[in-house]
Amino acid sequence: MKTIFEEMGGTYRQVGDYFIPSITLPDDGEYQIGKYGRMRRSYLKEYRKILYNNYVLEGTLFKHLAEIDQIGNERIENIVSAMAKQEGVCPAMQSHF
């Protein structure tokens, strides 16, 4: 008699006297996680544990963190350029910093 897991195409591996389902997370590539991605991960782990676990179990955590990091960096660039424009900083002066 097959289990529902086996009927759906799942397999088991034996570890000692136990049979453990062979489950792997999807490989969704390499992501570079910067400052804002790491900050988001810390926030999720500390204050939004269920959401963090859902991302981990779905295999989408690093994709989410990479998106957050990219958005954070874009916002910082926009803020800095707006401040430079407001203060009258020309591009030649910006290159010295």
N, C-alpha and C. Protein backbone atom coordinates (compact mmCIF):
# COMPACT_ATOMS: atom_id res chain seq x y z
N MET A 1 0.84 -1.18 0.00
CA MET A 1 0.00 0.00 0.00
C MET A 1 0.89 1.25 0.00
N LYS A 2 0.66 2.13 -0.99
CA LYS A 2 1.46 3.34 -1.11
C LYS A 2 0.84 4.46 -0.28
N THR A 3 1.73 5.32 0.23
CA THR A 3 1.26 6.50 0.94
C THR A 3 0.86 7.56 -0.08
N ILE A 4 0.18 8.59 0.37
CA ILE A 4 -0.20 9.69 -0.52
C ILE A 4 1.05 10.35 -1.09
N PHE A 5 2.08 10.46 -0.27
CA PHE A 5 3.35 11.05 -0.71
C PHE A 5 3.94 10.24 -1.86
N GLU A 6 3.90 8.91 -1.77
CA GLU A 6 4.43 8.05 -2.83
C GLU A 6 3.56 8.12 -4.08
N GLU A 7 2.26 8.24 -3.90
CA GLU A 7 1.36 8.33 -5.04
C GLU A 7 1.60 9.62 -5.83
N MET A 8 2.06 10.65 -5.13
CA MET A 8 2.35 11.93 -5.79
C MET A 8 3.75 11.95 -6.38
N GLY A 9 4.48 10.85 -6.31
CA GLY A 9 5.81 10.77 -6.91
C GLY A 9 6.94 10.97 -5.92
N GLY A 10 6.64 11.04 -4.65
CA GLY A 10 7.66 11.23 -3.64
C GLY A 10 8.40 9.94 -3.33
N THR A 11 9.61 10.09 -2.83
CA THR A 11 10.41 8.92 -2.46
C THR A 11 10.93 9.11 -1.04
N TYR A 12 11.38 8.02 -0.47
CA TYR A 12 11.93 8.02 0.88
C TYR A 12 13.37 7.55 0.83
N ARG A 13 14.15 7.96 1.84
CA ARG A 13 15.50 7.43 2.01
C ARG A 13 15.60 6.90 3.43
N GLN A 14 16.37 5.85 3.59
CA GLN A 14 16.48 5.23 4.90
C GLN A 14 17.69 5.78 5.65
N VAL A 15 17.45 6.22 6.88
CA VAL A 15 18.50 6.70 7.76
C VAL A 15 18.37 5.91 9.05
N GLY A 16 19.27 4.94 9.21
CA GLY A 16 19.17 4.05 10.37
C GLY A 16 17.91 3.21 10.24
N ASP A 17 17.06 3.25 11.24
CA ASP A 17 15.81 2.49 11.22
C ASP A 17 14.63 3.31 10.70
N TYR A 18 14.88 4.55 10.27
CA TYR A 18 13.80 5.44 9.88
C TYR A 18 13.80 5.71 8.38
N PHE A 19 12.62 5.90 7.82
CA PHE A 19 12.47 6.32 6.44
C PHE A 19 12.07 7.79 6.44
N ILE A 20 12.88 8.61 5.78
CA ILE A 20 12.67 10.04 5.75
C ILE A 20 12.34 10.45 4.32
N PRO A 21 11.31 11.30 4.14
CA PRO A 21 10.97 11.74 2.78
C PRO A 21 12.14 12.49 2.15
N SER A 22 12.39 12.21 0.89
CA SER A 22 13.45 12.89 0.13
C SER A 22 12.87 14.17 -0.43
N ILE A 23 13.02 15.24 0.31
CA ILE A 23 12.47 16.53 -0.08
C ILE A 23 13.61 17.51 -0.26
N THR A 24 13.61 18.23 -1.37
CA THR A 24 14.62 19.24 -1.62
C THR A 24 13.92 20.54 -2.02
N LEU A 25 14.54 21.65 -1.68
CA LEU A 25 14.02 22.94 -2.08
C LEU A 25 14.45 23.24 -3.50
N PRO A 26 13.63 23.98 -4.24
CA PRO A 26 14.04 24.31 -5.60
C PRO A 26 15.27 25.20 -5.60
N ASP A 27 16.15 24.95 -6.58
CA ASP A 27 17.35 25.76 -6.71
C ASP A 27 16.99 26.97 -7.55
N ASP A 28 16.97 28.14 -6.93
CA ASP A 28 16.55 29.33 -7.65
C ASP A 28 17.71 30.28 -7.91
N GLY A 29 18.90 29.78 -7.97
CA GLY A 29 20.03 30.58 -8.39
C GLY A 29 20.81 31.22 -7.26
N GLU A 30 21.83 31.95 -7.66
CA GLU A 30 22.70 32.66 -6.73
C GLU A 30 22.24 34.11 -6.64
N TYR A 31 22.09 34.58 -5.43
CA TYR A 31 21.69 35.97 -5.21
C TYR A 31 22.72 36.64 -4.32
N GLN A 32 23.02 37.89 -4.65
CA GLN A 32 23.90 38.70 -3.83
C GLN A 32 23.03 39.49 -2.86
N ILE A 33 23.21 39.24 -1.58
CA ILE A 33 22.42 39.91 -0.56
C ILE A 33 23.32 40.96 0.11
N GLY A 34 22.90 42.21 0.04
CA GLY A 34 23.67 43.30 0.63
C GLY A 34 23.09 43.72 1.97
N LYS A 35 23.40 44.96 2.33
CA LYS A 35 23.02 45.50 3.63
C LYS A 35 21.51 45.43 3.87
N TYR A 36 20.72 45.88 2.93
CA TYR A 36 19.28 45.95 3.13
C TYR A 36 18.63 44.58 3.11
N GLY A 37 19.17 43.66 2.35
CA GLY A 37 18.68 42.29 2.37
C GLY A 37 18.96 41.61 3.70
N ARG A 38 20.15 41.86 4.25
CA ARG A 38 20.48 41.29 5.56
C ARG A 38 19.62 41.90 6.67
N MET A 39 19.36 43.21 6.55
CA MET A 39 18.49 43.86 7.53
C MET A 39 17.08 43.27 7.47
N ARG A 40 16.58 43.03 6.27
CA ARG A 40 15.25 42.44 6.10
C ARG A 40 15.19 41.04 6.69
N ARG A 41 16.25 40.25 6.45
CA ARG A 41 16.30 38.89 7.00
C ARG A 41 16.27 38.93 8.53
N SER A 42 17.02 39.83 9.13
CA SER A 42 17.02 39.96 10.59
C SER A 42 15.65 40.35 11.10
N TYR A 43 15.00 41.28 10.42
CA TYR A 43 13.65 41.70 10.82
C TYR A 43 12.67 40.53 10.74
N LEU A 44 12.71 39.80 9.63
CA LEU A 44 11.79 38.67 9.46
C LEU A 44 12.02 37.60 10.53
N LYS A 45 13.28 37.30 10.81
CA LYS A 45 13.59 36.27 11.81
C LYS A 45 13.13 36.67 13.20
N GLU A 46 13.23 37.95 13.53
CA GLU A 46 12.91 38.39 14.88
C GLU A 46 11.43 38.72 15.07
N TYR A 47 10.82 39.39 14.10
CA TYR A 47 9.47 39.90 14.30
C TYR A 47 8.39 39.23 13.45
N ARG A 48 8.77 38.57 12.36
CA ARG A 48 7.79 37.94 11.47
C ARG A 48 8.21 36.49 11.20
N LYS A 49 8.27 35.70 12.25
CA LYS A 49 8.81 34.34 12.18
C LYS A 49 8.04 33.45 11.21
N ILE A 50 6.72 33.56 11.21
CA ILE A 50 5.92 32.71 10.32
C ILE A 50 6.18 33.07 8.86
N LEU A 51 6.22 34.36 8.56
CA LEU A 51 6.51 34.79 7.20
C LEU A 51 7.91 34.33 6.77
N TYR A 52 8.88 34.46 7.68
CA TYR A 52 10.25 34.00 7.40
C TYR A 52 10.25 32.50 7.08
N ASN A 53 9.57 31.71 7.92
CA ASN A 53 9.51 30.27 7.69
C ASN A 53 8.81 29.93 6.38
N ASN A 54 7.78 30.68 6.01
CA ASN A 54 7.10 30.45 4.74
C ASN A 54 8.05 30.69 3.57
N TYR A 55 8.81 31.78 3.62
CA TYR A 55 9.79 32.05 2.57
C TYR A 55 10.82 30.92 2.48
N VAL A 56 11.29 30.45 3.62
CA VAL A 56 12.30 29.39 3.63
C VAL A 56 11.71 28.11 3.04
N LEU A 57 10.52 27.73 3.48
CA LEU A 57 9.91 26.49 3.02
C LEU A 57 9.53 26.53 1.54
N GLU A 58 9.17 27.71 1.05
CA GLU A 58 8.84 27.85 -0.36
C GLU A 58 10.08 27.98 -1.24
N GLY A 59 11.23 28.23 -0.61
CA GLY A 59 12.47 28.38 -1.36
C GLY A 59 12.60 29.74 -2.02
N THR A 60 11.90 30.75 -1.50
CA THR A 60 11.91 32.08 -2.12
C THR A 60 12.57 33.14 -1.24
N LEU A 61 13.18 32.73 -0.14
CA LEU A 61 13.76 33.71 0.79
C LEU A 61 14.84 34.56 0.13
N PHE A 62 15.81 33.94 -0.52
CA PHE A 62 16.92 34.69 -1.08
C PHE A 62 16.49 35.56 -2.25
N LYS A 63 15.52 35.11 -3.01
CA LYS A 63 14.98 35.94 -4.09
C LYS A 63 14.33 37.19 -3.49
N HIS A 64 13.54 37.00 -2.44
CA HIS A 64 12.88 38.12 -1.76
C HIS A 64 13.92 39.09 -1.19
N LEU A 65 14.94 38.56 -0.53
CA LEU A 65 15.97 39.41 0.07
C LEU A 65 16.74 40.19 -1.00
N ALA A 66 17.00 39.56 -2.14
CA ALA A 66 17.70 40.25 -3.22
C ALA A 66 16.85 41.39 -3.78
N GLU A 67 15.53 41.17 -3.89
CA GLU A 67 14.63 42.22 -4.37
C GLU A 67 14.61 43.40 -3.38
N ILE A 68 14.51 43.08 -2.10
CA ILE A 68 14.50 44.13 -1.08
C ILE A 68 15.81 44.92 -1.11
N ASP A 69 16.93 44.23 -1.26
CA ASP A 69 18.24 44.88 -1.31
C ASP A 69 18.33 45.81 -2.52
N GLN A 70 17.86 45.35 -3.66
CA GLN A 70 17.89 46.17 -4.87
C GLN A 70 17.02 47.41 -4.70
N ILE A 71 15.82 47.25 -4.16
CA ILE A 71 14.92 48.38 -3.95
C ILE A 71 15.54 49.38 -2.97
N GLY A 72 16.13 48.89 -1.90
CA GLY A 72 16.79 49.76 -0.92
C GLY A 72 17.91 50.57 -1.53
N ASN A 73 18.74 49.91 -2.33
CA ASN A 73 19.86 50.62 -2.98
C ASN A 73 19.36 51.67 -3.97
N GLU A 74 18.30 51.34 -4.72
CA GLU A 74 17.74 52.31 -5.66
C GLU A 74 17.18 53.53 -4.92
N ARG A 75 16.52 53.30 -3.81
CA ARG A 75 15.96 54.42 -3.04
C ARG A 75 17.06 55.31 -2.48
N ILE A 76 18.13 54.70 -1.99
CA ILE A 76 19.25 55.49 -1.47
C ILE A 76 19.85 56.35 -2.59
N GLU A 77 20.03 55.76 -3.78
CA GLU A 77 20.57 56.52 -4.90
C GLU A 77 19.66 57.70 -5.26
N ASN A 78 18.34 57.46 -5.25
CA ASN A 78 17.39 58.54 -5.56
C ASN A 78 17.45 59.65 -4.51
N ILE A 79 17.52 59.28 -3.25
CA ILE A 79 17.58 60.26 -2.17
C ILE A 79 18.85 61.09 -2.26
N VAL A 80 19.98 60.43 -2.48
CA VAL A 80 21.26 61.15 -2.55
C VAL A 80 21.28 62.09 -3.75
N SER A 81 20.79 61.63 -4.90
CA SER A 81 20.80 62.51 -6.08
C SER A 81 19.83 63.68 -5.89
N ALA A 82 18.68 63.45 -5.24
CA ALA A 82 17.75 64.54 -4.97
C ALA A 82 18.36 65.55 -4.00
N MET A 83 19.06 65.07 -2.99
CA MET A 83 19.71 65.98 -2.03
C MET A 83 20.82 66.77 -2.71
N ALA A 84 21.59 66.12 -3.59
CA ALA A 84 22.66 66.81 -4.30
C ALA A 84 22.08 67.89 -5.20
N LYS A 85 20.98 67.58 -5.87
CA LYS A 85 20.34 68.57 -6.75
C LYS A 85 19.80 69.73 -5.93
N GLN A 86 19.18 69.42 -4.80
CA GLN A 86 18.61 70.46 -3.93
C GLN A 86 19.70 71.38 -3.39
N GLU A 87 20.86 70.83 -3.06
CA GLU A 87 21.95 71.62 -2.50
C GLU A 87 22.83 72.25 -3.57
N GLY A 88 22.54 71.97 -4.84
CA GLY A 88 23.30 72.58 -5.93
C GLY A 88 24.67 71.98 -6.15
N VAL A 89 24.83 70.71 -5.85
CA VAL A 89 26.11 70.03 -6.05
C VAL A 89 26.19 69.60 -7.51
N CYS A 90 27.23 70.05 -8.22
CA CYS A 90 27.37 69.68 -9.63
C CYS A 90 28.07 68.32 -9.74
N PRO A 91 27.92 67.64 -10.88
CA PRO A 91 28.53 66.31 -11.05
C PRO A 91 30.04 66.31 -10.85
N ALA A 92 30.73 67.40 -11.18
CA ALA A 92 32.17 67.47 -11.00
C ALA A 92 32.54 67.41 -9.53
N MET A 93 31.72 68.04 -8.69
CA MET A 93 31.98 68.02 -7.25
C MET A 93 31.69 66.64 -6.65
N GLN A 94 30.70 65.97 -7.20
CA GLN A 94 30.33 64.65 -6.69
C GLN A 94 31.44 63.63 -6.91
N SER A 95 32.21 63.79 -7.98
CA SER A 95 33.25 62.81 -8.29
C SER A 95 34.41 62.89 -7.28
N HIS A 96 34.53 63.99 -6.55
CA HIS A 96 35.60 64.13 -5.56
C HIS A 96 35.31 63.38 -4.27
N PHE A 97 34.07 62.96 -4.08
CA PHE A 97 33.70 62.27 -2.84
C PHE A 97 33.76 60.83 -3.02
